[in-house]
């Protein structure tokens, strides 16, 4: 399991206001990468805002990537709705939107590289077979730890279903900008993990690592629900020889009492009948509250662009809470 070790030192609470024009060679490149499997939700808004502010307060770029790789789960029209929603809320991204569904050739080349170096291998195992054989008492995010049945070659008479990456017993550790030192034993928590699925689709872990590296992303700000994916991505970065980005995992949005939010209450999009022209600035105001930024009340009466400008100037990483909590709708 992921182990939290120490808390990083806080940064100053006030940052210099930066212009919206971007330097030719910014030191920081952040990104927002939603999946169009459902409309934008409050957690997405918090991630978009946190990643945007942290990139912009450093004078950096903020890229936008649509992670539509899992085509069976993609809902038609949702990606376009996400783009319109972000635009109305005042978010300005740099460059063209990157669509994962158009980059299969890139992921194919990356996978071939892993196979050629012996870092990956074909696997014939189904989830049911792994569940029957695995002995790990605590399954990982994707089920029980893989027992390595195909690590030294496919069993006789078996055909490849997927491709897995080899992991070692050495723990993967990194310094999260909000949570401090994080360590995970990949072999114990999940074992060799899938990078190309049995249905022929490339796995999220491979695609996100390749996309971040090719885009020059060096700052990843996202929800804490993806914290346990980070060691696997760092493992792939090391295999490819990619630089490791700085990671910041934001607290998750919950319903009052800590329960998971319903889709109805969680939606933040035009498609969900939100009147963003009227209430968009209030959603941003409340998202700043959720991130501990204590916005002044006058921001409730200004535009989305003005709220974002204030937030870039005053953004405090140290003020972000360390635990999940409810979203303060229209504080």
Protein backbone atom coordinates (compact mmCIF):
# COMPACT_ATOMS: atom_id res chain seq x y z
CA UNK A 1 0.00 0.00 0.00
CA UNK A 2 0.99 3.63 -0.36
CA UNK A 3 2.68 4.85 2.81
CA UNK A 4 2.69 8.50 3.81
CA UNK A 5 5.90 9.40 5.56
CA UNK A 6 6.42 13.12 6.08
CA UNK A 7 4.89 16.44 5.19
CA UNK A 8 6.78 18.79 2.92
CA UNK A 9 7.72 22.31 3.99
CA UNK A 10 5.09 24.96 3.17
CA UNK A 11 5.68 27.53 0.45
CA UNK A 12 5.07 31.25 0.99
CA UNK A 13 1.40 32.15 1.13
CA UNK A 14 1.54 34.92 -1.49
CA UNK A 15 2.86 34.75 -5.01
CA UNK A 16 3.61 37.43 -7.58
CA UNK A 17 0.91 38.13 -10.17
CA UNK A 18 1.98 36.89 -13.60
CA UNK A 19 0.70 38.08 -16.98
CA UNK A 20 -1.44 35.72 -19.04
CA UNK A 21 1.11 35.73 -21.88
CA UNK A 22 3.51 32.79 -21.67
CA UNK A 23 7.28 32.92 -21.88
CA UNK A 24 8.98 31.20 -24.81
CA UNK A 25 10.74 28.72 -22.51
CA UNK A 26 8.73 28.46 -19.30
CA UNK A 27 10.25 26.64 -16.37
CA UNK A 28 6.92 25.04 -15.50
CA UNK A 29 4.58 23.03 -17.73
CA UNK A 30 1.44 21.79 -16.04
CA UNK A 31 -1.62 20.09 -17.48
CA UNK A 32 -5.24 19.13 -16.97
CA UNK A 33 -6.23 15.74 -18.39
CA UNK A 34 -9.92 14.84 -17.94
CA UNK A 35 -11.51 11.64 -19.24
CA UNK A 36 -14.76 12.13 -21.23
CA UNK A 37 -16.54 9.20 -19.59
CA UNK A 38 -19.00 11.57 -17.91
CA UNK A 39 -19.54 15.33 -17.55
CA UNK A 40 -17.12 17.48 -15.59
CA UNK A 41 -17.73 17.26 -11.85
CA UNK A 42 -16.72 19.17 -8.74
CA UNK A 43 -13.57 17.10 -8.34
CA UNK A 44 -12.61 17.89 -11.94
CA UNK A 45 -13.14 21.59 -11.28
CA UNK A 46 -10.90 21.48 -8.20
CA UNK A 47 -8.18 19.67 -10.17
CA UNK A 48 -8.44 22.07 -13.10
CA UNK A 49 -8.23 25.08 -10.79
CA UNK A 50 -5.38 23.73 -8.66
CA UNK A 51 -3.29 22.70 -11.66
CA UNK A 52 -3.99 25.98 -13.45
CA UNK A 53 -3.04 28.18 -10.51
CA UNK A 54 0.13 26.28 -9.62
CA UNK A 55 1.35 26.42 -13.22
CA UNK A 56 0.42 30.07 -13.78
CA UNK A 57 1.79 31.40 -10.50
CA UNK A 58 5.18 30.11 -11.63
CA UNK A 59 4.85 31.81 -15.02
CA UNK A 60 4.36 28.46 -16.71
CA UNK A 61 2.20 26.84 -19.35
CA UNK A 62 -1.02 24.94 -18.73
CA UNK A 63 -1.79 22.22 -21.27
CA UNK A 64 -5.05 20.43 -21.91
CA UNK A 65 -5.27 16.73 -22.79
CA UNK A 66 -8.41 14.68 -23.37
CA UNK A 67 -7.84 11.15 -22.10
CA UNK A 68 -10.29 9.39 -24.41
CA UNK A 69 -8.20 6.25 -24.78
CA UNK A 70 -10.75 3.94 -23.12
CA UNK A 71 -13.12 4.19 -26.08
CA UNK A 72 -15.82 1.79 -24.77
CA UNK A 73 -16.40 4.13 -21.81
CA UNK A 74 -16.23 7.43 -23.73
CA UNK A 75 -19.59 9.22 -23.96
CA UNK A 76 -20.10 11.10 -27.28
CA UNK A 77 -20.22 14.87 -26.89
CA UNK A 78 -18.74 14.96 -23.38
CA UNK A 79 -15.27 16.08 -24.49
CA UNK A 80 -16.66 19.05 -26.41
CA UNK A 81 -18.82 19.92 -23.42
CA UNK A 82 -15.72 19.87 -21.21
CA UNK A 83 -13.92 22.28 -23.53
CA UNK A 84 -16.88 24.68 -23.59
CA UNK A 85 -17.24 24.45 -19.80
CA UNK A 86 -13.57 25.27 -19.22
CA UNK A 87 -13.78 28.17 -21.68
CA UNK A 88 -16.82 29.73 -19.99
CA UNK A 89 -15.12 29.38 -16.60
CA UNK A 90 -12.20 31.45 -17.90
CA UNK A 91 -9.50 28.79 -18.21
CA UNK A 92 -7.00 29.54 -20.97
CA UNK A 93 -4.87 26.63 -22.10
CA UNK A 94 -1.70 26.77 -24.17
CA UNK A 95 -1.35 25.17 -27.57
CA UNK A 96 -3.67 22.61 -29.13
CA UNK A 97 -5.68 20.08 -27.18
CA UNK A 98 -4.02 16.65 -27.16
CA UNK A 99 -6.37 13.71 -27.83
CA UNK A 100 -5.14 10.31 -26.67
CA UNK A 101 -7.42 8.47 -29.11
CA UNK A 102 -5.32 9.87 -31.97
CA UNK A 103 -1.97 8.68 -30.60
CA UNK A 104 -2.07 4.89 -30.82
CA UNK A 105 1.00 4.90 -33.08
CA UNK A 106 2.98 6.69 -30.37
CA UNK A 107 1.97 4.20 -27.70
CA UNK A 108 2.73 1.30 -30.06
CA UNK A 109 6.30 2.56 -30.49
CA UNK A 110 6.72 2.97 -26.73
CA UNK A 111 5.43 -0.55 -26.09
CA UNK A 112 7.80 -2.01 -28.67
CA UNK A 113 10.67 -0.31 -26.90
CA UNK A 114 9.73 -1.95 -23.61
CA UNK A 115 9.42 -5.36 -25.25
CA UNK A 116 12.73 -5.06 -27.07
CA UNK A 117 14.54 -4.18 -23.84
CA UNK A 118 12.96 -7.06 -21.97
CA UNK A 119 11.11 -4.72 -19.64
CA UNK A 120 7.72 -6.04 -20.75
CA UNK A 121 6.34 -9.42 -21.79
CA UNK A 122 3.16 -10.97 -23.23
CA UNK A 123 0.71 -12.44 -20.73
CA UNK A 124 -2.04 -15.03 -21.24
CA UNK A 125 -3.69 -14.66 -17.82
CA UNK A 126 -7.27 -13.58 -17.29
CA UNK A 127 -8.45 -11.74 -14.18
CA UNK A 128 -10.29 -14.86 -13.05
CA UNK A 129 -7.16 -17.01 -13.33
CA UNK A 130 -5.12 -14.48 -11.36
CA UNK A 131 -7.77 -14.26 -8.64
CA UNK A 132 -7.77 -18.04 -8.23
CA UNK A 133 -3.99 -18.31 -7.93
CA UNK A 134 -2.93 -15.08 -6.22
CA UNK A 135 -2.11 -15.34 -2.53
CA UNK A 136 -1.79 -11.63 -1.66
CA UNK A 137 -4.21 -10.86 1.20
CA UNK A 138 -4.62 -7.22 0.13
CA UNK A 139 -5.40 -6.75 -3.57
CA UNK A 140 -4.10 -3.70 -5.39
CA UNK A 141 -6.06 -1.16 -7.43
CA UNK A 142 -6.52 -3.60 -10.29
CA UNK A 143 -7.17 -6.75 -8.28
CA UNK A 144 -4.85 -9.24 -6.58
CA UNK A 145 -1.09 -8.92 -7.05
CA UNK A 146 -0.02 -10.64 -10.25
CA UNK A 147 1.73 -13.93 -9.36
CA UNK A 148 4.12 -13.84 -12.35
CA UNK A 149 2.76 -16.84 -14.25
CA UNK A 150 3.97 -15.57 -17.64
CA UNK A 151 7.09 -13.75 -16.48
CA UNK A 152 9.43 -16.35 -17.99
CA UNK A 153 7.35 -17.09 -21.07
CA UNK A 154 3.81 -18.08 -21.99
CA UNK A 155 2.65 -21.44 -20.60
CA UNK A 156 2.40 -24.21 -23.17
CA UNK A 157 -0.69 -23.93 -25.33
CA UNK A 158 -1.51 -20.42 -24.14
CA UNK A 159 -1.84 -17.30 -26.32
CA UNK A 160 -1.00 -13.74 -25.33
CA UNK A 161 -3.92 -11.63 -24.11
CA UNK A 162 -2.14 -8.59 -22.74
CA UNK A 163 1.32 -7.11 -22.15
CA UNK A 164 2.77 -6.54 -18.68
CA UNK A 165 5.72 -4.51 -17.38
CA UNK A 166 8.18 -6.11 -14.97
CA UNK A 167 8.55 -4.55 -11.52
CA UNK A 168 11.14 -5.19 -8.82
CA UNK A 169 11.06 -5.57 -5.04
CA UNK A 170 12.70 -2.17 -4.58
CA UNK A 171 10.17 0.41 -3.32
CA UNK A 172 9.36 3.40 -5.48
CA UNK A 173 9.57 6.62 -3.45
CA UNK A 174 8.86 10.22 -4.41
CA UNK A 175 8.27 13.55 -2.72
CA UNK A 176 4.71 14.78 -3.17
CA UNK A 177 4.46 18.57 -3.01
CA UNK A 178 1.47 18.37 -0.66
CA UNK A 179 1.68 15.01 1.10
CA UNK A 180 5.41 14.62 1.62
CA UNK A 181 7.33 11.40 1.04
CA UNK A 182 5.36 8.56 -0.55
CA UNK A 183 6.64 4.98 -0.95
CA UNK A 184 5.08 1.96 -2.59
CA UNK A 185 6.26 -1.61 -3.10
CA UNK A 186 4.98 -2.38 -6.59
CA UNK A 187 5.73 -6.09 -6.36
CA UNK A 188 3.66 -6.46 -3.19
CA UNK A 189 0.74 -4.19 -4.08
CA UNK A 190 0.08 -5.24 -7.66
CA UNK A 191 3.01 -7.00 -9.21
CA UNK A 192 3.85 -6.72 -12.90
CA UNK A 193 1.17 -4.44 -14.32
CA UNK A 194 -0.67 -4.26 -17.64
CA UNK A 195 0.37 -1.71 -20.26
CA UNK A 196 -1.70 -3.16 -23.11
CA UNK A 197 -5.05 -4.66 -22.25
CA UNK A 198 -6.67 -7.87 -23.43
CA UNK A 199 -9.15 -5.83 -25.49
CA UNK A 200 -6.26 -4.32 -27.46
CA UNK A 201 -6.38 -0.89 -25.83
CA UNK A 202 -3.31 0.70 -24.29
CA UNK A 203 -3.44 1.09 -20.52
CA UNK A 204 -3.73 4.46 -18.81
CA UNK A 205 -0.35 4.10 -17.08
CA UNK A 206 1.57 3.82 -20.36
CA UNK A 207 -0.32 6.54 -22.23
CA UNK A 208 -0.09 9.15 -19.49
CA UNK A 209 3.66 8.65 -19.02
CA UNK A 210 4.38 8.92 -22.75
CA UNK A 211 2.10 11.94 -23.20
CA UNK A 212 3.52 13.85 -20.24
CA UNK A 213 7.10 13.25 -21.41
CA UNK A 214 6.45 14.20 -25.03
CA UNK A 215 4.59 17.35 -23.98
CA UNK A 216 7.38 18.40 -21.61
CA UNK A 217 5.07 18.25 -18.58
CA UNK A 218 7.14 18.67 -15.42
CA UNK A 219 4.34 19.43 -12.96
CA UNK A 220 1.42 17.05 -12.35
CA UNK A 221 -1.42 18.29 -10.15
CA UNK A 222 -4.35 15.88 -9.77
CA UNK A 223 -6.69 14.26 -7.27
CA UNK A 224 -5.51 12.00 -4.47
CA UNK A 225 -7.49 9.14 -6.02
CA UNK A 226 -4.59 8.80 -8.48
CA UNK A 227 -1.91 8.75 -5.79
CA UNK A 228 -1.39 4.98 -5.98
CA UNK A 229 -0.89 5.21 -9.78
CA UNK A 230 2.09 7.52 -9.40
CA UNK A 231 4.71 4.89 -8.40
CA UNK A 232 3.80 2.80 -11.44
CA UNK A 233 4.19 5.84 -13.65
CA UNK A 234 7.53 6.70 -12.09
CA UNK A 235 8.65 3.11 -12.72
CA UNK A 236 7.79 3.53 -16.41
CA UNK A 237 9.53 6.91 -16.54
CA UNK A 238 12.71 5.30 -15.25
CA UNK A 239 12.49 2.47 -17.79
CA UNK A 240 12.11 4.99 -20.63
CA UNK A 241 14.71 7.38 -19.23
CA UNK A 242 12.14 10.19 -18.90
CA UNK A 243 12.52 12.97 -16.31
CA UNK A 244 10.23 12.69 -13.29
CA UNK A 245 7.67 15.49 -12.93
CA UNK A 246 6.88 17.17 -9.64
CA UNK A 247 3.69 15.67 -8.20
CA UNK A 248 0.94 17.33 -6.17
CA UNK A 249 -2.13 15.29 -5.15
CA UNK A 250 -5.11 17.40 -4.14
CA UNK A 251 -7.72 16.38 -1.52
CA UNK A 252 -10.84 14.70 -2.86
CA UNK A 253 -14.28 16.28 -2.86
CA UNK A 254 -16.86 14.35 -0.84
CA UNK A 255 -20.48 14.75 0.14
CA UNK A 256 -21.21 16.07 3.65
CA UNK A 257 -20.25 13.34 6.10
CA UNK A 258 -17.56 11.95 3.81
CA UNK A 259 -19.77 9.91 1.47
CA UNK A 260 -19.17 9.79 -2.26
CA UNK A 261 -20.99 12.52 -4.19
CA UNK A 262 -23.92 11.54 -6.38
CA UNK A 263 -23.59 12.25 -10.11
CA UNK A 264 -26.44 14.73 -9.93
CA UNK A 265 -24.86 16.82 -7.18
CA UNK A 266 -21.36 16.35 -8.57
CA UNK A 267 -21.89 17.55 -12.17
CA UNK A 268 -20.34 20.85 -13.27
CA UNK A 269 -21.03 21.28 -16.97
CA UNK A 270 -23.29 22.83 -19.56
CA UNK A 271 -24.62 19.38 -20.42
CA UNK A 272 -25.79 18.97 -16.82
CA UNK A 273 -27.95 22.09 -17.21
CA UNK A 274 -25.61 24.27 -15.18
CA UNK A 275 -26.09 27.95 -16.00
CA UNK A 276 -22.37 28.71 -15.99
CA UNK A 277 -22.87 32.20 -17.37
CA UNK A 278 -24.73 33.00 -14.16
CA UNK A 279 -23.08 30.79 -11.55
CA UNK A 280 -19.66 29.96 -13.01
CA UNK A 281 -17.89 32.61 -10.97
CA UNK A 282 -19.54 31.26 -7.80
CA UNK A 283 -18.29 27.76 -8.56
CA UNK A 284 -14.76 29.12 -8.91
CA UNK A 285 -15.18 31.07 -5.66
CA UNK A 286 -16.30 27.92 -3.86
CA UNK A 287 -13.49 25.86 -5.42
CA UNK A 288 -11.00 28.37 -4.01
CA UNK A 289 -12.61 27.93 -0.61
CA UNK A 290 -12.29 24.16 -0.91
CA UNK A 291 -8.58 24.61 -1.66
CA UNK A 292 -8.18 26.70 1.49
CA UNK A 293 -7.46 29.96 -0.34
CA UNK A 294 -9.93 32.13 1.66
CA UNK A 295 -11.09 34.36 -1.24
CA UNK A 296 -12.52 37.76 -0.24
CA UNK A 297 -16.28 38.22 -0.53
CA UNK A 298 -16.03 40.83 -3.31
CA UNK A 299 -14.97 38.05 -5.68
CA UNK A 300 -18.55 36.75 -5.58
CA UNK A 301 -19.50 39.76 -7.71
CA UNK A 302 -16.77 39.69 -10.38
CA UNK A 303 -16.14 37.71 -13.55
CA UNK A 304 -14.46 34.31 -13.83
CA UNK A 305 -11.42 35.96 -15.40
CA UNK A 306 -11.06 38.39 -12.50
CA UNK A 307 -11.36 35.57 -9.97
CA UNK A 308 -8.62 33.60 -11.71
CA UNK A 309 -6.37 36.67 -11.87
CA UNK A 310 -6.80 37.22 -8.12
CA UNK A 311 -6.22 33.54 -7.44
CA UNK A 312 -2.98 33.44 -9.47
CA UNK A 313 -1.65 36.38 -7.47
CA UNK A 314 -2.65 35.04 -4.06
CA UNK A 315 -2.43 31.27 -4.50
CA UNK A 316 -0.95 29.50 -1.46
CA UNK A 317 0.13 25.88 -1.73
CA UNK A 318 0.54 25.70 2.05
CA UNK A 319 -3.15 26.59 2.58
CA UNK A 320 -4.47 23.52 0.74
CA UNK A 321 -6.06 21.11 3.25
CA UNK A 322 -4.54 17.68 3.66
CA UNK A 323 -7.81 15.76 3.96
CA UNK A 324 -10.88 15.25 1.73
CA UNK A 325 -14.01 17.21 2.47
CA UNK A 326 -17.30 18.53 1.12
CA UNK A 327 -17.47 21.19 -1.56
CA UNK A 328 -18.88 24.45 -0.08
CA UNK A 329 -21.49 25.23 -2.74
CA UNK A 330 -22.09 28.98 -3.01
CA UNK A 331 -20.35 29.81 0.27
